[in-house]
Amino acid sequence: MMPEFFFTPELHLRDGRIIRDLEDAASFAREQQARPGVDQRDEILHAIERARTVEQAHGAAHRFVRWLEELEVVK
């Protein structure tokens, strides 16, 4: 079971989507298969899905945010 983690502030993406928690982050990552950075996407998705502690969730969230910044999808 994934620990709760909420992005504060929420992440507002250019497509209008709002990422509020790790479940939202995982859903977004799963949809990005055809985009650049797929290898990194897989690593980040696995980190999110395997997070079992608060520390692991926090680390996965940071990796996710850095990846979004690289893709330039955050407003």
PDB file of N, CA and C in Angstrom:
ATOM      1  N   MET A   1       0.841  -1.194   0.000  1.00  0.00           N
ATOM      2  CA  MET A   1       0.000   0.000   0.000  1.00  0.00           C
ATOM      3  C   MET A   1       0.876   1.243   0.000  1.00  0.00           C
ATOM      4  N   MET A   2       0.589   2.146  -0.899  1.00  0.00           N
ATOM      5  CA  MET A   2       1.353   3.373  -1.041  1.00  0.00           C
ATOM      6  C   MET A   2       1.014   4.334   0.097  1.00  0.00           C
ATOM      7  N   PRO A   3       2.047   4.904   0.747  1.00  0.00           N
ATOM      8  CA  PRO A   3       1.761   5.892   1.787  1.00  0.00           C
ATOM      9  C   PRO A   3       1.168   7.155   1.171  1.00  0.00           C
ATOM     10  N   GLU A   4       0.418   7.883   1.949  1.00  0.00           N
ATOM     11  CA  GLU A   4      -0.165   9.123   1.456  1.00  0.00           C
ATOM     12  C   GLU A   4       0.925  10.163   1.263  1.00  0.00           C
ATOM     13  N   PHE A   5       0.853  10.849   0.157  1.00  0.00           N
ATOM     14  CA  PHE A   5       1.748  11.975  -0.100  1.00  0.00           C
ATOM     15  C   PHE A   5       0.964  12.968  -0.943  1.00  0.00           C
ATOM     16  N   PHE A   6       0.902  14.201  -0.493  1.00  0.00           N
ATOM     17  CA  PHE A   6       0.182  15.241  -1.214  1.00  0.00           C
ATOM     18  C   PHE A   6       1.164  16.317  -1.655  1.00  0.00           C
ATOM     19  N   PHE A   7       1.091  16.694  -2.923  1.00  0.00           N
ATOM     20  CA  PHE A   7       1.930  17.764  -3.434  1.00  0.00           C
ATOM     21  C   PHE A   7       1.372  19.093  -2.921  1.00  0.00           C
ATOM     22  N   THR A   8       2.248  19.867  -2.286  1.00  0.00           N
ATOM     23  CA  THR A   8       1.861  21.163  -1.755  1.00  0.00           C
ATOM     24  C   THR A   8       2.877  22.187  -2.223  1.00  0.00           C
ATOM     25  N   PRO A   9       2.523  23.082  -3.091  1.00  0.00           N
ATOM     26  CA  PRO A   9       1.210  23.234  -3.703  1.00  0.00           C
ATOM     27  C   PRO A   9       0.967  22.158  -4.761  1.00  0.00           C
ATOM     28  N   GLU A  10      -0.277  22.045  -5.159  1.00  0.00           N
ATOM     29  CA  GLU A  10      -0.631  21.100  -6.213  1.00  0.00           C
ATOM     30  C   GLU A  10       0.124  21.473  -7.486  1.00  0.00           C
ATOM     31  N   LEU A  11       0.378  20.484  -8.327  1.00  0.00           N
ATOM     32  CA  LEU A  11       1.078  20.728  -9.587  1.00  0.00           C
ATOM     33  C   LEU A  11       0.055  20.967 -10.692  1.00  0.00           C
ATOM     34  N   HIS A  12       0.085  22.136 -11.281  1.00  0.00           N
ATOM     35  CA  HIS A  12      -0.828  22.480 -12.365  1.00  0.00           C
ATOM     36  C   HIS A  12      -0.090  22.299 -13.681  1.00  0.00           C
ATOM     37  N   LEU A  13      -0.586  21.395 -14.511  1.00  0.00           N
ATOM     38  CA  LEU A  13       0.068  21.095 -15.771  1.00  0.00           C
ATOM     39  C   LEU A  13      -0.517  21.928 -16.896  1.00  0.00           C
ATOM     40  N   ARG A  14       0.247  22.064 -17.960  1.00  0.00           N
ATOM     41  CA  ARG A  14      -0.176  22.879 -19.106  1.00  0.00           C
ATOM     42  C   ARG A  14      -1.452  22.368 -19.760  1.00  0.00           C
ATOM     43  N   ASP A  15      -1.709  21.057 -19.652  1.00  0.00           N
ATOM     44  CA  ASP A  15      -2.916  20.496 -20.279  1.00  0.00           C
ATOM     45  C   ASP A  15      -4.156  20.671 -19.404  1.00  0.00           C
ATOM     46  N   GLY A  16      -4.015  21.353 -18.258  1.00  0.00           N
ATOM     47  CA  GLY A  16      -5.139  21.606 -17.372  1.00  0.00           C
ATOM     48  C   GLY A  16      -5.265  20.603 -16.237  1.00  0.00           C
ATOM     49  N   ARG A  17      -4.506  19.541 -16.288  1.00  0.00           N
ATOM     50  CA  ARG A  17      -4.548  18.523 -15.241  1.00  0.00           C
ATOM     51  C   ARG A  17      -3.899  19.053 -13.971  1.00  0.00           C
ATOM     52  N   ILE A  18      -4.395  18.595 -12.846  1.00  0.00           N
ATOM     53  CA  ILE A  18      -3.829  18.950 -11.548  1.00  0.00           C
ATOM     54  C   ILE A  18      -3.364  17.661 -10.878  1.00  0.00           C
ATOM     55  N   ILE A  19      -2.098  17.653 -10.464  1.00  0.00           N
ATOM     56  CA  ILE A  19      -1.527  16.507  -9.755  1.00  0.00           C
ATOM     57  C   ILE A  19      -1.558  16.853  -8.276  1.00  0.00           C
ATOM     58  N   ARG A  20      -2.365  16.092  -7.532  1.00  0.00           N
ATOM     59  CA  ARG A  20      -2.537  16.369  -6.104  1.00  0.00           C
ATOM     60  C   ARG A  20      -1.779  15.393  -5.206  1.00  0.00           C
ATOM     61  N   ASP A  21      -1.612  14.144  -5.690  1.00  0.00           N
ATOM     62  CA  ASP A  21      -0.998  13.121  -4.848  1.00  0.00           C
ATOM     63  C   ASP A  21      -0.253  12.118  -5.722  1.00  0.00           C
ATOM     64  N   LEU A  22       0.326  11.094  -5.089  1.00  0.00           N
ATOM     65  CA  LEU A  22       1.093  10.102  -5.845  1.00  0.00           C
ATOM     66  C   LEU A  22       0.227   9.263  -6.768  1.00  0.00           C
ATOM     67  N   GLU A  23      -1.023   9.074  -6.448  1.00  0.00           N
ATOM     68  CA  GLU A  23      -1.926   8.348  -7.348  1.00  0.00           C
ATOM     69  C   GLU A  23      -2.092   9.123  -8.652  1.00  0.00           C
ATOM     70  N   ASP A  24      -2.287  10.436  -8.536  1.00  0.00           N
ATOM     71  CA  ASP A  24      -2.374  11.285  -9.732  1.00  0.00           C
ATOM     72  C   ASP A  24      -1.066  11.226 -10.515  1.00  0.00           C
ATOM     73  N   ALA A  25       0.054  11.259  -9.808  1.00  0.00           N
ATOM     74  CA  ALA A  25       1.368  11.216 -10.459  1.00  0.00           C
ATOM     75  C   ALA A  25       1.548   9.909 -11.220  1.00  0.00           C
ATOM     76  N   ALA A  26       1.184   8.796 -10.598  1.00  0.00           N
ATOM     77  CA  ALA A  26       1.310   7.494 -11.250  1.00  0.00           C
ATOM     78  C   ALA A  26       0.417   7.419 -12.487  1.00  0.00           C
ATOM     79  N   SER A  27      -0.788   7.928 -12.389  1.00  0.00           N
ATOM     80  CA  SER A  27      -1.699   7.930 -13.545  1.00  0.00           C
ATOM     81  C   SER A  27      -1.118   8.732 -14.690  1.00  0.00           C
ATOM     82  N   PHE A  28      -0.569   9.894 -14.393  1.00  0.00           N
ATOM     83  CA  PHE A  28       0.035  10.719 -15.433  1.00  0.00           C
ATOM     84  C   PHE A  28       1.208   9.981 -16.075  1.00  0.00           C
ATOM     85  N   ALA A  29       2.075   9.411 -15.267  1.00  0.00           N
ATOM     86  CA  ALA A  29       3.258   8.716 -15.793  1.00  0.00           C
ATOM     87  C   ALA A  29       2.858   7.543 -16.691  1.00  0.00           C
ATOM     88  N   ARG A  30       1.836   6.812 -16.306  1.00  0.00           N
ATOM     89  CA  ARG A  30       1.389   5.664 -17.117  1.00  0.00           C
ATOM     90  C   ARG A  30       0.931   6.097 -18.510  1.00  0.00           C
ATOM     91  N   GLU A  31       0.418   7.302 -18.625  1.00  0.00           N
ATOM     92  CA  GLU A  31      -0.104   7.798 -19.902  1.00  0.00           C
ATOM     93  C   GLU A  31       0.984   8.334 -20.829  1.00  0.00           C
ATOM     94  N   GLN A  32       2.208   8.441 -20.368  1.00  0.00           N
ATOM     95  CA  GLN A  32       3.253   9.124 -21.118  1.00  0.00           C
ATOM     96  C   GLN A  32       4.140   8.203 -21.943  1.00  0.00           C
ATOM     97  N   GLN A  33       3.721   7.019 -22.275  1.00  0.00           N
ATOM     98  CA  GLN A  33       4.561   6.059 -22.973  1.00  0.00           C
ATOM     99  C   GLN A  33       5.103   6.564 -24.303  1.00  0.00           C
ATOM    100  N   ALA A  34       4.377   7.374 -25.014  1.00  0.00           N
ATOM    101  CA  ALA A  34       4.809   7.819 -26.334  1.00  0.00           C
ATOM    102  C   ALA A  34       5.641   9.102 -26.286  1.00  0.00           C
ATOM    103  N   ARG A  35       5.912   9.623 -25.108  1.00  0.00           N
ATOM    104  CA  ARG A  35       6.622  10.897 -24.986  1.00  0.00           C
ATOM    105  C   ARG A  35       8.107  10.686 -24.774  1.00  0.00           C
ATOM    106  N   PRO A  36       8.916  11.696 -25.013  1.00  0.00           N
ATOM    107  CA  PRO A  36      10.357  11.600 -24.719  1.00  0.00           C
ATOM    108  C   PRO A  36      10.580  11.310 -23.236  1.00  0.00           C
ATOM    109  N   GLY A  37      11.680  10.688 -22.921  1.00  0.00           N
ATOM    110  CA  GLY A  37      12.005  10.407 -21.531  1.00  0.00           C
ATOM    111  C   GLY A  37      11.347   9.159 -20.994  1.00  0.00           C
ATOM    112  N   VAL A  38      11.023   8.211 -21.865  1.00  0.00           N
ATOM    113  CA  VAL A  38      10.295   7.018 -21.437  1.00  0.00           C
ATOM    114  C   VAL A  38      11.094   6.199 -20.432  1.00  0.00           C
ATOM    115  N   ASP A  39      12.396   6.052 -20.651  1.00  0.00           N
ATOM    116  CA  ASP A  39      13.203   5.273 -19.705  1.00  0.00           C
ATOM    117  C   ASP A  39      13.125   5.875 -18.315  1.00  0.00           C
ATOM    118  N   GLN A  40      13.256   7.153 -18.250  1.00  0.00           N
ATOM    119  CA  GLN A  40      13.151   7.848 -16.968  1.00  0.00           C
ATOM    120  C   GLN A  40      11.742   7.698 -16.411  1.00  0.00           C
ATOM    121  N   ARG A  41      10.751   7.758 -17.280  1.00  0.00           N
ATOM    122  CA  ARG A  41       9.361   7.586 -16.859  1.00  0.00           C
ATOM    123  C   ARG A  41       9.175   6.247 -16.165  1.00  0.00           C
ATOM    124  N   ASP A  42       9.721   5.194 -16.738  1.00  0.00           N
ATOM    125  CA  ASP A  42       9.587   3.867 -16.133  1.00  0.00           C
ATOM    126  C   ASP A  42      10.202   3.824 -14.743  1.00  0.00           C
ATOM    127  N   GLU A  43      11.383   4.400 -14.601  1.00  0.00           N
ATOM    128  CA  GLU A  43      12.049   4.413 -13.292  1.00  0.00           C
ATOM    129  C   GLU A  43      11.222   5.176 -12.265  1.00  0.00           C
ATOM    130  N   ILE A  44      10.681   6.287 -12.678  1.00  0.00           N
ATOM    131  CA  ILE A  44       9.878   7.111 -11.761  1.00  0.00           C
ATOM    132  C   ILE A  44       8.576   6.411 -11.405  1.00  0.00           C
ATOM    133  N   LEU A  45       7.934   5.819 -12.394  1.00  0.00           N
ATOM    134  CA  LEU A  45       6.689   5.095 -12.129  1.00  0.00           C
ATOM    135  C   LEU A  45       6.929   3.945 -11.163  1.00  0.00           C
ATOM    136  N   HIS A  46       8.014   3.205 -11.365  1.00  0.00           N
ATOM    137  CA  HIS A  46       8.332   2.098 -10.447  1.00  0.00           C
ATOM    138  C   HIS A  46       8.613   2.615  -9.041  1.00  0.00           C
ATOM    139  N   ALA A  47       9.298   3.752  -8.939  1.00  0.00           N
ATOM    140  CA  ALA A  47       9.582   4.321  -7.615  1.00  0.00           C
ATOM    141  C   ALA A  47       8.285   4.703  -6.902  1.00  0.00           C
ATOM    142  N   ILE A  48       7.350   5.268  -7.652  1.00  0.00           N
ATOM    143  CA  ILE A  48       6.055   5.644  -7.067  1.00  0.00           C
ATOM    144  C   ILE A  48       5.302   4.394  -6.625  1.00  0.00           C
ATOM    145  N   GLU A  49       5.228   3.409  -7.513  1.00  0.00           N
ATOM    146  CA  GLU A  49       4.459   2.195  -7.224  1.00  0.00           C
ATOM    147  C   GLU A  49       5.065   1.367  -6.091  1.00  0.00           C
ATOM    148  N   ARG A  50       6.377   1.442  -5.924  1.00  0.00           N
ATOM    149  CA  ARG A  50       7.050   0.633  -4.895  1.00  0.00           C
ATOM    150  C   ARG A  50       7.218   1.352  -3.569  1.00  0.00           C
ATOM    151  N   ALA A  51       6.836   2.607  -3.492  1.00  0.00           N
ATOM    152  CA  ALA A  51       6.988   3.373  -2.250  1.00  0.00           C
ATOM    153  C   ALA A  51       6.153   2.737  -1.142  1.00  0.00           C
ATOM    154  N   ARG A  52       6.802   2.400  -0.059  1.00  0.00           N
ATOM    155  CA  ARG A  52       6.125   1.784   1.088  1.00  0.00           C
ATOM    156  C   ARG A  52       6.287   2.597   2.365  1.00  0.00           C
ATOM    157  N   THR A  53       7.235   3.522   2.361  1.00  0.00           N
ATOM    158  CA  THR A  53       7.452   4.365   3.532  1.00  0.00           C
ATOM    159  C   THR A  53       7.250   5.821   3.128  1.00  0.00           C
ATOM    160  N   VAL A  54       7.117   6.673   4.102  1.00  0.00           N
ATOM    161  CA  VAL A  54       6.972   8.105   3.848  1.00  0.00           C
ATOM    162  C   VAL A  54       8.214   8.628   3.128  1.00  0.00           C
ATOM    163  N   GLU A  55       9.389   8.148   3.529  1.00  0.00           N
ATOM    164  CA  GLU A  55      10.631   8.592   2.907  1.00  0.00           C
ATOM    165  C   GLU A  55      10.694   8.184   1.439  1.00  0.00           C
ATOM    166  N   GLN A  56      10.282   6.964   1.127  1.00  0.00           N
ATOM    167  CA  GLN A  56      10.281   6.500  -0.258  1.00  0.00           C
ATOM    168  C   GLN A  56       9.268   7.293  -1.090  1.00  0.00           C
ATOM    169  N   ALA A  57       8.119   7.581  -0.519  1.00  0.00           N
ATOM    170  CA  ALA A  57       7.106   8.365  -1.218  1.00  0.00           C
ATOM    171  C   ALA A  57       7.629   9.772  -1.503  1.00  0.00           C
ATOM    172  N   HIS A  58       8.299  10.358  -0.527  1.00  0.00           N
ATOM    173  CA  HIS A  58       8.852  11.695  -0.679  1.00  0.00           C
ATOM    174  C   HIS A  58       9.916  11.702  -1.784  1.00  0.00           C
ATOM    175  N   GLY A  59      10.784  10.704  -1.798  1.00  0.00           N
ATOM    176  CA  GLY A  59      11.816  10.606  -2.823  1.00  0.00           C
ATOM    177  C   GLY A  59      11.217  10.422  -4.209  1.00  0.00           C
ATOM    178  N   ALA A  60      10.209   9.569  -4.321  1.00  0.00           N
ATOM    179  CA  ALA A  60       9.541   9.340  -5.604  1.00  0.00           C
ATOM    180  C   ALA A  60       8.863  10.615  -6.086  1.00  0.00           C
ATOM    181  N   ALA A  61       8.268  11.356  -5.183  1.00  0.00           N
ATOM    182  CA  ALA A  61       7.598  12.605  -5.539  1.00  0.00           C
ATOM    183  C   ALA A  61       8.602  13.618  -6.078  1.00  0.00           C
ATOM    184  N   HIS A  62       9.767  13.715  -5.455  1.00  0.00           N
ATOM    185  CA  HIS A  62      10.791  14.644  -5.930  1.00  0.00           C
ATOM    186  C   HIS A  62      11.283  14.253  -7.326  1.00  0.00           C
ATOM    187  N   ARG A  63      11.497  12.975  -7.542  1.00  0.00           N
ATOM    188  CA  ARG A  63      11.918  12.511  -8.873  1.00  0.00           C
ATOM    189  C   ARG A  63      10.848  12.835  -9.905  1.00  0.00           C
ATOM    190  N   PHE A  64       9.575  12.658  -9.544  1.00  0.00           N
ATOM    191  CA  PHE A  64       8.468  12.947 -10.442  1.00  0.00           C
ATOM    192  C   PHE A  64       8.454  14.432 -10.822  1.00  0.00           C
ATOM    193  N   VAL A  65       8.612  15.302  -9.838  1.00  0.00           N
ATOM    194  CA  VAL A  65       8.593  16.746 -10.100  1.00  0.00           C
ATOM    195  C   VAL A  65       9.754  17.140 -11.014  1.00  0.00           C
ATOM    196  N   ARG A  66      10.939  16.617 -10.757  1.00  0.00           N
ATOM    197  CA  ARG A  66      12.088  16.929 -11.622  1.00  0.00           C
ATOM    198  C   ARG A  66      11.828  16.472 -13.053  1.00  0.00           C
ATOM    199  N   TRP A  67      11.212  15.301 -13.208  1.00  0.00           N
ATOM    200  CA  TRP A  67      10.889  14.786 -14.536  1.00  0.00           C
ATOM    201  C   TRP A  67       9.894  15.697 -15.237  1.00  0.00           C
ATOM    202  N   LEU A  68       8.847  16.146 -14.532  1.00  0.00           N
ATOM    203  CA  LEU A  68       7.873  17.057 -15.125  1.00  0.00           C
ATOM    204  C   LEU A  68       8.548  18.352 -15.580  1.00  0.00           C
ATOM    205  N   GLU A  69       9.472  18.834 -14.773  1.00  0.00           N
ATOM    206  CA  GLU A  69      10.186  20.060 -15.137  1.00  0.00           C
ATOM    207  C   GLU A  69      11.013  19.855 -16.405  1.00  0.00           C
ATOM    208  N   GLU A  70      11.639  18.695 -16.552  1.00  0.00           N
ATOM    209  CA  GLU A  70      12.395  18.380 -17.761  1.00  0.00           C
ATOM    210  C   GLU A  70      11.490  18.314 -18.988  1.00  0.00           C
ATOM    211  N   LEU A  71      10.295  17.784 -18.817  1.00  0.00           N
ATOM    212  CA  LEU A  71       9.332  17.707 -19.916  1.00  0.00           C
ATOM    213  C   LEU A  71       8.676  19.062 -20.200  1.00  0.00           C
ATOM    214  N   GLU A  72       8.863  20.010 -19.292  1.00  0.00           N
ATOM    215  CA  GLU A  72       8.295  21.354 -19.413  1.00  0.00           C
ATOM    216  C   GLU A  72       6.766  21.305 -19.514  1.00  0.00           C
ATOM    217  N   VAL A  73       6.143  20.531 -18.641  1.00  0.00           N
ATOM    218  CA  VAL A  73       4.679  20.420 -18.650  1.00  0.00           C
ATOM    219  C   VAL A  73       4.010  21.104 -17.462  1.00  0.00           C
ATOM    220  N   VAL A  74       4.821  21.640 -16.537  1.00  0.00           N
ATOM    221  CA  VAL A  74       4.274  22.335 -15.372  1.00  0.00           C
ATOM    222  C   VAL A  74       4.109  23.800 -15.721  1.00  0.00           C
ATOM    223  N   LYS A  75       2.970  24.357 -15.333  1.00  0.00           N
ATOM    224  CA  LYS A  75       2.724  25.801 -15.579  1.00  0.00           C
ATOM    225  C   LYS A  75       3.674  26.631 -14.753  1.00  0.00           C
TER     226      LYS A  75
END
